[in-house]
Amino acid sequence: MSAPTSSSLAAASALAGKTRSFKDVVFGGSSSSSPKVKFVHSTFKGCPALLFEDVVVNQLAAPFSFTLVGKFMLRRPNLDVIRKFFFSLKLSGSFTVGLLDPKLVVVQLSNDLDYSRIFSRRSYYIQGCQMRLLKWSTDFDVREESPIAPVWLAFPNLRLHFFNSHILFGLASVFGRPLQTDQATATPSRPSVAKKLVELDVTKKHPKEIWLG
């Protein structure tokens, strides 16, 4: 079972006489397209609870696999300004921007290319306001910093026949979710070292060597 979490939603919004879910409020869309899920009514620390299997949580999270959270430290422009900024980036796919709390916005992208491009920058400035980019996950907490960051990893002294996209993906996957391959590695015009951009949990210990054979 996944760990229970509490909800602080005080009231539902209504549009055209129909209640809207949190997902609808943030991203738009109809709740009728939501997948059916199995849960168990229970209690947790004296509170009513809904308990889900991990597979259900993964199913619910699947549509948000290309989602980032933008964090403004001091001042946040209004949402229309933020949306216009993302339009100016000329992304290859669609996107939505919604307010998570006064300093956090949810940016839901639609493909891996845009996700990698945006996340690899780590931060942008919008009307002079810095927006830091954080990875969204099912255990994302608005009160805490995400420990996952995009990091370029170097794999030196690889033999030439290992400069293969599948091999490089496998090497990077040891550390986290692979995002990008640098141009010199993809060519390969710099056979002395291969580089991959990876989502890395900086709080964990990672291997210093990998055996290939």
Protein backbone atom coordinates (compact mmCIF):
# COMPACT_ATOMS: atom_id res chain seq x y z
CA MET A 1 0.00 0.00 0.00
CA SER A 2 1.21 3.54 -0.65
CA ALA A 3 1.60 5.90 2.28
CA PRO A 4 -1.63 7.79 3.06
CA THR A 5 -1.65 11.54 2.58
CA SER A 6 -4.11 14.10 3.85
CA SER A 7 -6.09 16.50 1.67
CA SER A 8 -6.64 20.11 2.67
CA LEU A 9 -9.16 20.95 -0.06
CA ALA A 10 -11.91 22.95 1.63
CA ALA A 11 -14.45 23.19 -1.17
CA ALA A 12 -15.04 22.16 -4.76
CA SER A 13 -15.32 24.63 -7.62
CA ALA A 14 -18.30 24.51 -9.91
CA LEU A 15 -18.66 25.30 -13.60
CA ALA A 16 -21.89 24.98 -15.56
CA GLY A 17 -23.47 23.23 -12.62
CA LYS A 18 -20.84 20.48 -12.44
CA THR A 19 -18.22 20.00 -9.74
CA ARG A 20 -14.60 19.98 -10.89
CA SER A 21 -11.75 17.91 -9.55
CA PHE A 22 -8.39 19.34 -8.48
CA LYS A 23 -6.90 18.05 -11.74
CA ASP A 24 -9.62 19.86 -13.71
CA VAL A 25 -9.04 23.11 -11.83
CA VAL A 26 -5.29 23.02 -12.43
CA PHE A 27 -5.14 21.62 -15.95
CA GLY A 28 -8.66 21.73 -17.34
CA GLY A 29 -10.42 18.74 -18.79
CA SER A 30 -13.32 16.49 -17.95
CA SER A 31 -13.39 14.24 -14.93
CA SER A 32 -15.34 11.70 -17.01
CA SER A 33 -12.06 10.67 -18.65
CA SER A 34 -10.47 9.80 -15.30
CA PRO A 35 -9.53 6.11 -14.98
CA LYS A 36 -11.48 3.96 -12.55
CA VAL A 37 -9.36 2.95 -9.59
CA LYS A 38 -9.73 0.54 -6.70
CA PHE A 39 -9.34 1.72 -3.14
CA VAL A 40 -10.22 0.64 0.39
CA HIS A 41 -11.91 2.83 3.00
CA SER A 42 -9.99 2.72 6.27
CA THR A 43 -8.60 4.98 8.98
CA PHE A 44 -5.13 6.40 9.53
CA LYS A 45 -4.14 8.04 12.84
CA GLY A 46 -7.79 8.49 13.67
CA CYS A 47 -8.71 10.07 10.31
CA PRO A 48 -10.83 8.54 7.55
CA ALA A 49 -8.54 7.22 4.81
CA LEU A 50 -8.58 5.85 1.28
CA LEU A 51 -5.86 3.24 0.73
CA PHE A 52 -4.43 2.45 -2.72
CA GLU A 53 -2.12 -0.23 -4.07
CA ASP A 54 1.14 1.09 -5.52
CA VAL A 55 0.08 -0.01 -9.00
CA VAL A 56 -2.96 2.27 -8.71
CA VAL A 57 -0.82 5.23 -7.69
CA ASN A 58 1.43 4.61 -10.70
CA GLN A 59 -1.62 4.45 -12.95
CA LEU A 60 -2.90 7.78 -11.64
CA ALA A 61 0.53 9.39 -11.99
CA ALA A 62 1.14 8.22 -15.57
CA PRO A 63 -0.45 11.31 -17.25
CA PHE A 64 1.94 13.52 -15.26
CA SER A 65 5.22 11.88 -16.30
CA PHE A 66 6.32 15.09 -18.08
CA THR A 67 5.33 17.45 -15.27
CA LEU A 68 7.59 20.01 -13.58
CA VAL A 69 7.02 22.48 -10.76
CA GLY A 70 8.20 26.07 -11.10
CA LYS A 71 9.14 27.71 -7.79
CA PHE A 72 9.31 31.49 -7.41
CA MET A 73 11.36 32.57 -4.40
CA LEU A 74 10.32 36.21 -3.89
CA ARG A 75 7.70 37.38 -6.36
CA ARG A 76 5.59 35.53 -8.93
CA PRO A 77 4.24 37.06 -12.16
CA ASN A 78 0.59 36.38 -12.93
CA LEU A 79 -0.26 33.15 -14.72
CA ASP A 80 -0.94 34.82 -18.08
CA VAL A 81 2.60 36.22 -18.11
CA ILE A 82 4.03 32.80 -17.25
CA ARG A 83 1.98 31.11 -19.98
CA LYS A 84 3.12 33.68 -22.56
CA PHE A 85 6.71 32.97 -21.54
CA PHE A 86 6.30 29.26 -22.25
CA PHE A 87 4.64 30.06 -25.57
CA SER A 88 7.73 32.12 -26.45
CA LEU A 89 9.92 29.04 -25.99
CA LYS A 90 8.29 27.48 -29.08
CA LEU A 91 7.95 24.04 -27.54
CA SER A 92 7.35 21.09 -29.84
CA GLY A 93 4.21 19.95 -27.99
CA SER A 94 1.34 21.34 -25.96
CA PHE A 95 1.59 22.44 -22.34
CA THR A 96 -0.52 23.73 -19.46
CA VAL A 97 0.40 25.96 -16.52
CA GLY A 98 -1.57 25.97 -13.26
CA LEU A 99 -1.18 27.46 -9.80
CA LEU A 100 -0.20 25.01 -7.05
CA ASP A 101 0.25 27.57 -4.28
CA PRO A 102 1.17 31.30 -4.20
CA LYS A 103 4.82 30.57 -5.12
CA LEU A 104 4.51 27.32 -7.08
CA VAL A 105 3.18 26.64 -10.57
CA VAL A 106 2.67 23.25 -12.19
CA VAL A 107 3.96 22.97 -15.76
CA GLN A 108 2.56 19.92 -17.53
CA LEU A 109 4.41 19.17 -20.76
CA SER A 110 3.41 16.62 -23.37
CA ASN A 111 6.63 14.96 -24.51
CA ASP A 112 10.08 13.93 -23.37
CA LEU A 113 11.88 16.38 -25.68
CA ASP A 114 10.26 19.46 -24.14
CA TYR A 115 10.56 18.01 -20.64
CA SER A 116 14.31 17.41 -21.02
CA ARG A 117 14.88 20.81 -22.60
CA ILE A 118 13.05 22.73 -19.87
CA PHE A 119 14.32 20.74 -16.88
CA SER A 120 17.95 20.85 -18.03
CA ARG A 121 17.93 24.65 -17.70
CA ARG A 122 17.12 24.38 -13.97
CA SER A 123 15.79 27.97 -13.84
CA TYR A 124 14.38 30.80 -15.94
CA TYR A 125 13.77 34.49 -15.33
CA ILE A 126 10.27 35.78 -16.12
CA GLN A 127 9.82 39.55 -15.80
CA GLY A 128 12.85 39.63 -13.55
CA CYS A 129 11.51 36.88 -11.29
CA GLN A 130 13.55 33.70 -10.96
CA MET A 131 11.62 30.48 -11.47
CA ARG A 132 13.49 27.38 -10.31
CA LEU A 133 12.39 24.09 -11.82
CA LEU A 134 11.70 21.06 -9.65
CA LYS A 135 10.74 17.54 -10.60
CA TRP A 136 7.17 16.57 -9.78
CA SER A 137 6.56 13.11 -8.32
CA THR A 138 3.77 11.38 -6.43
CA ASP A 139 5.42 12.27 -3.13
CA PHE A 140 6.10 15.91 -4.05
CA ASP A 141 5.59 18.14 -1.00
CA VAL A 142 5.17 21.90 -1.44
CA ARG A 143 6.94 22.39 1.92
CA GLU A 144 10.11 20.55 0.89
CA GLU A 145 12.74 20.77 -1.84
CA SER A 146 12.84 17.93 -4.35
CA PRO A 147 16.16 16.03 -4.08
CA ILE A 148 16.09 15.13 -7.79
CA ALA A 149 18.04 17.35 -10.17
CA PRO A 150 19.31 17.08 -13.77
CA VAL A 151 23.04 16.29 -13.70
CA TRP A 152 25.48 15.67 -16.55
CA LEU A 153 27.36 12.40 -15.96
CA ALA A 154 30.65 11.59 -17.68
CA PHE A 155 31.68 8.05 -18.64
CA PRO A 156 35.40 8.27 -19.55
CA ASN A 157 37.49 5.77 -21.47
CA LEU A 158 34.60 3.84 -23.02
CA ARG A 159 35.65 1.60 -25.87
CA LEU A 160 34.40 2.82 -29.22
CA HIS A 161 31.91 -0.01 -29.75
CA PHE A 162 30.16 0.98 -26.51
CA PHE A 163 29.20 4.37 -27.97
CA ASN A 164 25.82 2.84 -28.69
CA SER A 165 22.57 4.59 -27.76
CA HIS A 166 21.22 1.52 -25.95
CA ILE A 167 24.46 0.96 -24.02
CA LEU A 168 24.65 4.62 -23.03
CA PHE A 169 20.99 4.57 -21.97
CA GLY A 170 21.70 1.51 -19.83
CA LEU A 171 24.72 3.14 -18.19
CA ALA A 172 22.77 6.30 -17.39
CA SER A 173 19.80 4.30 -16.08
CA VAL A 174 21.98 2.96 -13.27
CA PHE A 175 21.84 6.46 -11.77
CA GLY A 176 18.35 7.66 -12.68
CA ARG A 177 16.11 8.61 -15.57
CA PRO A 178 18.18 9.49 -18.67
CA LEU A 179 17.19 12.78 -20.28
CA GLN A 180 19.70 13.77 -22.97
CA THR A 181 22.89 12.78 -24.76
CA ASP A 182 25.30 15.59 -25.57
CA GLN A 183 26.06 16.23 -29.23
CA ALA A 184 29.72 15.19 -29.02
CA THR A 185 28.66 11.81 -27.61
CA ALA A 186 25.93 11.26 -30.17
CA THR A 187 28.25 11.97 -33.11
CA PRO A 188 30.71 10.69 -31.60
CA SER A 189 33.26 13.44 -32.13
CA ARG A 190 34.81 13.13 -28.66
CA PRO A 191 35.45 9.40 -28.10
CA SER A 192 37.45 10.02 -24.91
CA VAL A 193 34.30 10.46 -22.82
CA ALA A 194 30.54 9.96 -23.12
CA LYS A 195 28.11 12.32 -21.40
CA LYS A 196 24.46 11.80 -20.46
CA LEU A 197 22.04 14.10 -18.67
CA VAL A 198 20.29 12.16 -15.91
CA GLU A 199 17.69 12.85 -13.23
CA LEU A 200 19.81 12.21 -10.14
CA ASP A 201 18.66 11.90 -6.54
CA VAL A 202 21.43 13.87 -4.86
CA THR A 203 20.61 12.42 -1.42
CA LYS A 204 21.55 8.88 -2.45
CA LYS A 205 24.94 7.22 -2.84
CA HIS A 206 25.82 6.27 -6.40
CA PRO A 207 28.44 3.87 -7.81
CA LYS A 208 31.77 5.25 -8.99
CA GLU A 209 32.39 2.37 -11.40
CA ILE A 210 30.26 0.16 -13.66
CA TRP A 211 31.38 -3.18 -15.06
CA LEU A 212 30.75 -3.77 -18.77
CA GLY A 213 31.12 -7.26 -20.14
